[in-house]
Amino acid sequence: MKARVKWVENTLMVGEAGSGHAVVMDGPEEFGGRNLGTRPMEMILLGLGGCTQFDVVHILRKGRHQVSFCEVELEAVRADEDPKVFTRIHVHFKVGGPDLKEKAVERAVTLSAEKFCSASIMLGASVDITHGFELVEI
């Protein structure tokens, strides 16, 4: 896997993944940015959310459960001092589908967190990551 991040100006950057997809990142105005893109640390949090959501939906569908809605809310706490690493992250799933059972969602979330989600497992080596979920009506 490869990626490239090109500095444009001030704190504006364009990242391009090996797949050819690009994303704009920028810093806040107080650091010379123009607030034109997602912050790099936000990208890490979004990556975690996308990685674990992919797993949960895939695991549920593989188990022949119908999933028609899945949203992941992430809340992170960062250290006050540099380096301002994540110290805690809570990952909360909202999942819905016809006849979807709580036990199936719980199993999918646990499997993602403990076995399949590369981002969760990598970040979990240094960050306290907790998970929760709720079934939602659609």
N, C-alpha and C. Protein backbone atom coordinates (compact mmCIF):
# COMPACT_ATOMS: atom_id res chain seq x y z
N MET A 1 0.85 -1.16 0.00
CA MET A 1 0.00 0.00 0.00
C MET A 1 0.90 1.23 0.00
N LYS A 2 0.54 2.18 -0.82
CA LYS A 2 1.30 3.42 -0.91
C LYS A 2 0.36 4.61 -0.88
N ALA A 3 0.92 5.75 -0.48
CA ALA A 3 0.18 7.00 -0.49
C ALA A 3 1.18 8.13 -0.66
N ARG A 4 0.69 9.27 -1.09
CA ARG A 4 1.54 10.44 -1.27
C ARG A 4 0.76 11.65 -0.78
N VAL A 5 1.42 12.53 -0.07
CA VAL A 5 0.81 13.78 0.39
C VAL A 5 1.65 14.92 -0.16
N LYS A 6 1.00 15.78 -0.93
CA LYS A 6 1.70 16.91 -1.54
C LYS A 6 1.30 18.19 -0.83
N TRP A 7 2.30 18.93 -0.40
CA TRP A 7 2.06 20.24 0.20
C TRP A 7 1.71 21.22 -0.91
N VAL A 8 0.63 21.99 -0.73
CA VAL A 8 0.19 22.96 -1.72
C VAL A 8 0.65 24.36 -1.33
N GLU A 9 0.20 24.81 -0.14
CA GLU A 9 0.61 26.11 0.40
C GLU A 9 0.16 26.20 1.85
N ASN A 10 0.81 27.05 2.61
CA ASN A 10 0.50 27.22 4.03
C ASN A 10 0.34 25.87 4.71
N THR A 11 -0.88 25.49 5.12
CA THR A 11 -1.08 24.16 5.72
C THR A 11 -1.96 23.29 4.83
N LEU A 12 -2.19 23.70 3.61
CA LEU A 12 -3.03 22.96 2.66
C LEU A 12 -2.22 21.83 2.02
N MET A 13 -2.80 20.62 2.04
CA MET A 13 -2.16 19.43 1.47
C MET A 13 -3.18 18.64 0.67
N VAL A 14 -2.71 17.91 -0.32
CA VAL A 14 -3.56 16.98 -1.06
C VAL A 14 -2.93 15.60 -0.92
N GLY A 15 -3.68 14.67 -0.37
CA GLY A 15 -3.22 13.30 -0.23
C GLY A 15 -3.81 12.44 -1.33
N GLU A 16 -2.99 11.58 -1.90
CA GLU A 16 -3.47 10.66 -2.92
C GLU A 16 -3.08 9.25 -2.51
N ALA A 17 -4.09 8.40 -2.42
CA ALA A 17 -3.87 7.01 -2.05
C ALA A 17 -3.44 6.21 -3.27
N GLY A 18 -2.88 5.03 -3.01
CA GLY A 18 -2.47 4.15 -4.08
C GLY A 18 -3.60 3.78 -5.03
N SER A 19 -4.82 3.85 -4.54
CA SER A 19 -5.99 3.54 -5.37
C SER A 19 -6.32 4.66 -6.35
N GLY A 20 -5.63 5.82 -6.19
CA GLY A 20 -5.87 6.94 -7.10
C GLY A 20 -6.84 7.97 -6.56
N HIS A 21 -7.42 7.71 -5.41
CA HIS A 21 -8.36 8.66 -4.83
C HIS A 21 -7.62 9.74 -4.05
N ALA A 22 -8.14 10.96 -4.10
CA ALA A 22 -7.47 12.08 -3.45
C ALA A 22 -8.36 12.71 -2.39
N VAL A 23 -7.70 13.35 -1.43
CA VAL A 23 -8.41 14.03 -0.36
C VAL A 23 -7.63 15.30 -0.01
N VAL A 24 -8.38 16.36 0.30
CA VAL A 24 -7.77 17.62 0.69
C VAL A 24 -7.71 17.69 2.21
N MET A 25 -6.55 18.09 2.73
CA MET A 25 -6.39 18.30 4.16
C MET A 25 -5.89 19.72 4.37
N ASP A 26 -6.32 20.33 5.46
CA ASP A 26 -5.89 21.70 5.75
C ASP A 26 -5.89 21.90 7.26
N GLY A 27 -5.20 22.93 7.68
CA GLY A 27 -5.14 23.27 9.09
C GLY A 27 -6.05 24.45 9.42
N PRO A 28 -6.16 24.74 10.69
CA PRO A 28 -7.00 25.86 11.11
C PRO A 28 -6.33 27.20 10.79
N GLU A 29 -7.12 28.25 10.77
CA GLU A 29 -6.62 29.58 10.41
C GLU A 29 -5.52 30.05 11.35
N GLU A 30 -5.60 29.69 12.64
CA GLU A 30 -4.57 30.15 13.58
C GLU A 30 -3.19 29.56 13.28
N PHE A 31 -3.12 28.55 12.42
CA PHE A 31 -1.84 27.98 12.02
C PHE A 31 -1.54 28.27 10.55
N GLY A 32 -2.25 29.23 9.97
CA GLY A 32 -2.00 29.61 8.59
C GLY A 32 -2.86 28.90 7.57
N GLY A 33 -3.76 28.05 8.03
CA GLY A 33 -4.65 27.34 7.11
C GLY A 33 -5.84 28.20 6.70
N ARG A 34 -6.61 27.68 5.76
CA ARG A 34 -7.83 28.36 5.32
C ARG A 34 -9.06 27.51 5.58
N ASN A 35 -8.87 26.43 6.36
CA ASN A 35 -10.00 25.56 6.72
C ASN A 35 -10.68 24.99 5.47
N LEU A 36 -9.88 24.56 4.50
CA LEU A 36 -10.42 24.05 3.24
C LEU A 36 -10.56 22.53 3.21
N GLY A 37 -10.13 21.86 4.27
CA GLY A 37 -10.20 20.41 4.26
C GLY A 37 -10.15 19.85 5.66
N THR A 38 -10.29 18.56 5.72
CA THR A 38 -10.26 17.81 6.98
C THR A 38 -8.86 17.88 7.57
N ARG A 39 -8.79 17.95 8.90
CA ARG A 39 -7.49 17.94 9.58
C ARG A 39 -6.90 16.53 9.51
N PRO A 40 -5.58 16.40 9.47
CA PRO A 40 -4.96 15.08 9.40
C PRO A 40 -5.38 14.14 10.53
N MET A 41 -5.47 14.62 11.76
CA MET A 41 -5.88 13.75 12.87
C MET A 41 -7.36 13.33 12.73
N GLU A 42 -8.17 14.19 12.13
CA GLU A 42 -9.55 13.81 11.84
C GLU A 42 -9.59 12.69 10.81
N MET A 43 -8.65 12.71 9.87
CA MET A 43 -8.58 11.65 8.86
C MET A 43 -8.32 10.30 9.52
N ILE A 44 -7.48 10.30 10.55
CA ILE A 44 -7.21 9.05 11.27
C ILE A 44 -8.49 8.53 11.91
N LEU A 45 -9.24 9.43 12.54
CA LEU A 45 -10.50 9.05 13.18
C LEU A 45 -11.52 8.57 12.15
N LEU A 46 -11.61 9.26 11.03
CA LEU A 46 -12.52 8.84 9.96
C LEU A 46 -12.10 7.47 9.39
N GLY A 47 -10.80 7.26 9.26
CA GLY A 47 -10.30 5.97 8.77
C GLY A 47 -10.70 4.84 9.69
N LEU A 48 -10.58 5.08 11.00
CA LEU A 48 -11.00 4.08 11.98
C LEU A 48 -12.49 3.77 11.82
N GLY A 49 -13.30 4.82 11.70
CA GLY A 49 -14.75 4.63 11.54
C GLY A 49 -15.10 3.86 10.28
N GLY A 50 -14.45 4.19 9.18
CA GLY A 50 -14.72 3.50 7.93
C GLY A 50 -14.27 2.06 7.96
N CYS A 51 -13.12 1.81 8.55
CA CYS A 51 -12.57 0.45 8.62
C CYS A 51 -13.48 -0.47 9.44
N THR A 52 -13.88 -0.01 10.61
CA THR A 52 -14.70 -0.86 11.47
C THR A 52 -16.13 -0.99 10.93
N GLN A 53 -16.66 0.08 10.32
CA GLN A 53 -18.00 -0.02 9.74
C GLN A 53 -18.02 -1.02 8.59
N PHE A 54 -17.00 -1.00 7.76
CA PHE A 54 -16.88 -1.96 6.67
C PHE A 54 -16.98 -3.38 7.22
N ASP A 55 -16.21 -3.65 8.28
CA ASP A 55 -16.21 -4.99 8.89
C ASP A 55 -17.58 -5.38 9.41
N VAL A 56 -18.21 -4.49 10.18
CA VAL A 56 -19.48 -4.81 10.82
C VAL A 56 -20.54 -5.14 9.77
N VAL A 57 -20.65 -4.30 8.75
CA VAL A 57 -21.64 -4.56 7.70
C VAL A 57 -21.32 -5.86 6.98
N HIS A 58 -20.05 -6.08 6.67
CA HIS A 58 -19.64 -7.31 5.96
C HIS A 58 -19.94 -8.55 6.80
N ILE A 59 -19.61 -8.51 8.09
CA ILE A 59 -19.86 -9.65 8.97
C ILE A 59 -21.36 -9.94 9.07
N LEU A 60 -22.16 -8.91 9.23
CA LEU A 60 -23.62 -9.12 9.32
C LEU A 60 -24.17 -9.70 8.02
N ARG A 61 -23.77 -9.15 6.90
CA ARG A 61 -24.26 -9.65 5.61
C ARG A 61 -23.79 -11.08 5.34
N LYS A 62 -22.56 -11.37 5.73
CA LYS A 62 -22.03 -12.73 5.55
C LYS A 62 -22.85 -13.72 6.38
N GLY A 63 -23.37 -13.25 7.53
CA GLY A 63 -24.23 -14.09 8.37
C GLY A 63 -25.69 -14.06 7.92
N ARG A 64 -25.92 -13.51 6.74
CA ARG A 64 -27.25 -13.45 6.11
C ARG A 64 -28.25 -12.57 6.87
N HIS A 65 -27.72 -11.56 7.56
CA HIS A 65 -28.57 -10.57 8.22
C HIS A 65 -28.77 -9.41 7.26
N GLN A 66 -29.97 -8.89 7.23
CA GLN A 66 -30.26 -7.75 6.36
C GLN A 66 -29.91 -6.46 7.10
N VAL A 67 -28.97 -5.71 6.54
CA VAL A 67 -28.58 -4.42 7.10
C VAL A 67 -29.01 -3.35 6.12
N SER A 68 -29.80 -2.41 6.58
CA SER A 68 -30.22 -1.33 5.70
C SER A 68 -29.75 0.03 6.20
N PHE A 69 -29.13 0.05 7.38
CA PHE A 69 -28.61 1.31 7.93
C PHE A 69 -27.45 1.00 8.87
N CYS A 70 -26.38 1.74 8.71
CA CYS A 70 -25.26 1.63 9.66
C CYS A 70 -24.53 2.97 9.69
N GLU A 71 -24.43 3.50 10.87
CA GLU A 71 -23.73 4.76 11.09
C GLU A 71 -22.81 4.58 12.28
N VAL A 72 -21.62 5.12 12.19
CA VAL A 72 -20.66 5.02 13.28
C VAL A 72 -20.33 6.42 13.76
N GLU A 73 -20.54 6.65 15.05
CA GLU A 73 -20.17 7.92 15.67
C GLU A 73 -18.92 7.69 16.49
N LEU A 74 -17.92 8.53 16.31
CA LEU A 74 -16.66 8.39 17.03
C LEU A 74 -16.41 9.65 17.84
N GLU A 75 -15.96 9.45 19.05
CA GLU A 75 -15.60 10.58 19.90
C GLU A 75 -14.22 10.30 20.48
N ALA A 76 -13.31 11.22 20.24
CA ALA A 76 -11.92 11.02 20.67
C ALA A 76 -11.49 12.11 21.63
N VAL A 77 -10.60 11.74 22.53
CA VAL A 77 -9.95 12.67 23.45
C VAL A 77 -8.47 12.66 23.12
N ARG A 78 -7.90 13.85 23.04
CA ARG A 78 -6.47 13.96 22.74
C ARG A 78 -5.72 14.48 23.96
N ALA A 79 -4.44 14.16 24.03
CA ALA A 79 -3.58 14.65 25.10
C ALA A 79 -3.49 16.16 25.03
N ASP A 80 -3.32 16.80 26.18
CA ASP A 80 -3.20 18.25 26.23
C ASP A 80 -1.84 18.75 25.74
N GLU A 81 -0.82 17.93 25.92
CA GLU A 81 0.55 18.32 25.57
C GLU A 81 0.99 17.62 24.28
N ASP A 82 1.94 18.24 23.61
CA ASP A 82 2.52 17.63 22.41
C ASP A 82 3.31 16.39 22.79
N PRO A 83 3.27 15.34 22.03
CA PRO A 83 2.41 15.16 20.87
C PRO A 83 0.97 14.91 21.33
N LYS A 84 0.03 15.57 20.72
CA LYS A 84 -1.37 15.49 21.13
C LYS A 84 -2.04 14.25 20.55
N VAL A 85 -1.56 13.11 21.02
CA VAL A 85 -2.07 11.82 20.54
C VAL A 85 -3.48 11.58 21.07
N PHE A 86 -4.18 10.68 20.43
CA PHE A 86 -5.46 10.24 20.97
C PHE A 86 -5.18 9.44 22.24
N THR A 87 -5.93 9.71 23.29
CA THR A 87 -5.80 8.94 24.53
C THR A 87 -7.00 8.02 24.72
N ARG A 88 -8.16 8.44 24.23
CA ARG A 88 -9.38 7.63 24.32
C ARG A 88 -10.21 7.85 23.07
N ILE A 89 -10.82 6.77 22.60
CA ILE A 89 -11.77 6.86 21.49
C ILE A 89 -12.95 5.97 21.82
N HIS A 90 -14.15 6.53 21.65
CA HIS A 90 -15.35 5.70 21.79
C HIS A 90 -15.99 5.58 20.41
N VAL A 91 -16.28 4.35 20.04
CA VAL A 91 -16.89 4.03 18.74
C VAL A 91 -18.30 3.53 19.01
N HIS A 92 -19.30 4.25 18.48
CA HIS A 92 -20.69 3.87 18.73
C HIS A 92 -21.39 3.62 17.39
N PHE A 93 -21.91 2.41 17.25
CA PHE A 93 -22.63 2.00 16.03
C PHE A 93 -24.13 2.19 16.21
N LYS A 94 -24.77 2.68 15.17
CA LYS A 94 -26.23 2.68 15.07
C LYS A 94 -26.52 1.81 13.85
N VAL A 95 -27.19 0.68 14.09
CA VAL A 95 -27.39 -0.30 13.03
C VAL A 95 -28.87 -0.66 12.95
N GLY A 96 -29.38 -0.79 11.74
CA GLY A 96 -30.77 -1.16 11.56
C GLY A 96 -30.97 -2.06 10.37
N GLY A 97 -32.03 -2.82 10.44
CA GLY A 97 -32.38 -3.72 9.36
C GLY A 97 -33.54 -4.60 9.79
N PRO A 98 -34.26 -5.16 8.83
CA PRO A 98 -35.40 -6.01 9.16
C PRO A 98 -34.97 -7.23 9.99
N ASP A 99 -35.62 -7.41 11.11
CA ASP A 99 -35.38 -8.57 11.98
C ASP A 99 -33.93 -8.68 12.46
N LEU A 100 -33.20 -7.59 12.48
CA LEU A 100 -31.81 -7.62 12.95
C LEU A 100 -31.80 -7.83 14.46
N LYS A 101 -31.00 -8.78 14.90
CA LYS A 101 -30.95 -9.15 16.32
C LYS A 101 -29.75 -8.50 17.01
N GLU A 102 -29.98 -8.11 18.25
CA GLU A 102 -28.94 -7.46 19.06
C GLU A 102 -27.70 -8.35 19.17
N LYS A 103 -27.90 -9.63 19.36
CA LYS A 103 -26.78 -10.57 19.52
C LYS A 103 -25.89 -10.58 18.27
N ALA A 104 -26.51 -10.51 17.09
CA ALA A 104 -25.74 -10.53 15.84
C ALA A 104 -24.90 -9.26 15.71
N VAL A 105 -25.48 -8.11 16.07
CA VAL A 105 -24.74 -6.85 15.98
C VAL A 105 -23.60 -6.84 17.00
N GLU A 106 -23.89 -7.30 18.20
CA GLU A 106 -22.85 -7.36 19.24
C GLU A 106 -21.67 -8.22 18.77
N ARG A 107 -21.97 -9.35 18.17
CA ARG A 107 -20.93 -10.26 17.68
C ARG A 107 -20.12 -9.58 16.58
N ALA A 108 -20.78 -8.90 15.66
CA ALA A 108 -20.09 -8.24 14.55
C ALA A 108 -19.17 -7.12 15.07
N VAL A 109 -19.65 -6.33 16.01
CA VAL A 109 -18.85 -5.25 16.58
C VAL A 109 -17.62 -5.82 17.30
N THR A 110 -17.82 -6.89 18.07
CA THR A 110 -16.72 -7.51 18.80
C THR A 110 -15.70 -8.11 17.85
N LEU A 111 -16.15 -8.82 16.82
CA LEU A 111 -15.23 -9.41 15.85
C LEU A 111 -14.42 -8.33 15.13
N SER A 112 -15.07 -7.24 14.77
CA SER A 112 -14.36 -6.15 14.12
C SER A 112 -13.29 -5.60 15.05
N ALA A 113 -13.67 -5.31 16.29
CA ALA A 113 -12.76 -4.67 17.25
C ALA A 113 -11.59 -5.57 17.62
N GLU A 114 -11.85 -6.86 17.75
CA GLU A 114 -10.83 -7.76 18.30
C GLU A 114 -10.08 -8.59 17.26
N LYS A 115 -10.64 -8.71 16.04
CA LYS A 115 -10.01 -9.61 15.08
C LYS A 115 -9.76 -9.01 13.70
N PHE A 116 -10.68 -8.24 13.18
CA PHE A 116 -10.60 -7.86 11.77
C PHE A 116 -10.20 -6.42 11.47
N CYS A 117 -10.58 -5.46 12.28
CA CYS A 117 -10.33 -4.06 11.94
C CYS A 117 -8.88 -3.68 12.21
N SER A 118 -8.13 -3.56 11.15
CA SER A 118 -6.71 -3.21 11.26
C SER A 118 -6.51 -1.89 11.98
N ALA A 119 -7.35 -0.91 11.67
CA ALA A 119 -7.22 0.41 12.30
C ALA A 119 -7.50 0.33 13.80
N SER A 120 -8.55 -0.38 14.19
CA SER A 120 -8.88 -0.52 15.61
C SER A 120 -7.77 -1.21 16.37
N ILE A 121 -7.26 -2.27 15.80
CA ILE A 121 -6.23 -3.06 16.49
C ILE A 121 -4.92 -2.28 16.55
N MET A 122 -4.57 -1.58 15.48
CA MET A 122 -3.35 -0.79 15.48
C MET A 122 -3.44 0.36 16.48
N LEU A 123 -4.51 1.13 16.43
CA LEU A 123 -4.67 2.25 17.36
C LEU A 123 -4.85 1.76 18.80
N GLY A 124 -5.52 0.61 18.95
CA GLY A 124 -5.77 0.06 20.28
C GLY A 124 -4.51 -0.32 21.03
N ALA A 125 -3.39 -0.43 20.33
CA ALA A 125 -2.13 -0.74 20.99
C ALA A 125 -1.66 0.41 21.88
N SER A 126 -2.15 1.63 21.59
CA SER A 126 -1.73 2.78 22.40
C SER A 126 -2.88 3.67 22.86
N VAL A 127 -4.09 3.37 22.41
CA VAL A 127 -5.25 4.20 22.74
C VAL A 127 -6.31 3.32 23.39
N ASP A 128 -6.98 3.84 24.40
CA ASP A 128 -8.10 3.14 25.04
C ASP A 128 -9.32 3.30 24.13
N ILE A 129 -9.69 2.23 23.44
CA ILE A 129 -10.83 2.27 22.52
C ILE A 129 -11.98 1.45 23.11
N THR A 130 -13.13 2.08 23.21
CA THR A 130 -14.34 1.40 23.67
C THR A 130 -15.36 1.39 22.54
N HIS A 131 -16.27 0.42 22.62
CA HIS A 131 -17.28 0.25 21.58
C HIS A 131 -18.67 0.14 22.19
N GLY A 132 -19.65 0.63 21.50
CA GLY A 132 -21.04 0.47 21.89
C GLY A 132 -21.88 0.41 20.63
N PHE A 133 -23.13 0.03 20.79
CA PHE A 133 -24.01 -0.04 19.63
C PHE A 133 -25.47 0.07 20.07
N GLU A 134 -26.30 0.39 19.13
CA GLU A 134 -27.74 0.38 19.37
C GLU A 134 -28.43 -0.01 18.07
N LEU A 135 -29.53 -0.71 18.22
CA LEU A 135 -30.37 -1.04 17.07
C LEU A 135 -31.32 0.13 16.85
N VAL A 136 -31.48 0.52 15.61
CA VAL A 136 -32.36 1.63 15.28
C VAL A 136 -33.45 1.16 14.33
N GLU A 137 -34.62 1.73 14.49
CA GLU A 137 -35.75 1.46 13.59
C GLU A 137 -35.60 2.32 12.35
N ILE A 138 -35.89 1.74 11.20
CA ILE A 138 -35.81 2.49 9.97
C ILE A 138 -37.12 2.50 9.23
